[in-house]
Amino acid sequence: MDSRDVAEALDQHYRQPNLTQKILAALQAAGKDIEALTPDDLTVFDEFHIGGRRTTRALARLAGPLAGRQVLDVGCGVGGPARTLANEFGCQVIGLDLIGAYCEAATMLSRRVGLSDRVAFCQGSALSLPFPAAAFDLVWLQHVSMNIVDKFALFRDIKRVLRSGGQLALYEVCAGPTEPPHFPLPWAGDSALSFLQPSAALRRQIEAGGFVKKAWQEMTVEALAWFEQMMTRRAAAPASPLGIHLISGSDFAEKGRNVIRNLAEQRITVVRGLFSLR
């Protein structure tokens, strides 16, 4: 499958028709005032990665201080991490995502919570970043690399857009010692769109792209505990119009169970890392 085929398949996998309208309808159904939204109103669905906002905050603290820095969030989804970085850590953030509907929803939500002056979003490929060289102080990745075949190209272009002294912060899913993972998963319905590498191989790819490790932390135990708790709360709580299903689709429960099973069986692992330019 070439890069164009992968991009088209990813669009099919992640696409949620009328996503912006669905999100607004769900917020209204949950009793939110869509004319006076706050970032906290969006917490249950806008950070589409293991650990949610708690993980974003922890990674930001690892990379900090961040006030006034220019940040590129690659694979931004509907903009939750970008809004957290801007609102809580004082960054200026541009989010990039391959899925146009995500960028549209991210822009709408950011405007409605009053953050349009600090965050912006555009559609584009992580393998061909549509930005000039040395444009950012920090590049941010959360659950992106598993959909990228050519990881060296990813990190090479990230290096290009970073300024001298710039950093790469990431929180990524990797292949575990037991293979293969059980599907479907949030990022892939089957193995055709899942390009996991062992964490050691991912680290080598980053370093080969021109980076020096500042931190590299195994987070699988914490990720499993969080996901188990989240799925338990979801099963016990009354049905809500708000949730990750808005982004991931109606089969999120099955995908979530597979994430837990894969983490428990060491079919996938999770790592957190911070790198600086060599």
Foldseek 3Di string as FASTA:
>chain_A
DDPVVLLVVQLVQQDDPPLLVLVVVQLVVQPHDLQADALVSAQFAQQPAQPGPNVLVVLCVVVDQAAAFEEEEEQCFLPSSVCCCCVPRHAQYEYEHQHPVSQVNNCSVCVSNVNNVRYHYDYDDLLDDPDAFQQGQEYEEEADCQQPQPLLSNLLVVNRNHHAFHKYKYKYKAFFPDDDADDDALRHRDPPRTRHHHPVVSVVSNVVSFKDWPDKFWCLVVSLVRLVVVLVCCVPDDDGSDHNCSRRNPCVNVNSVSVNVCSVVRRMTIMITMITGD
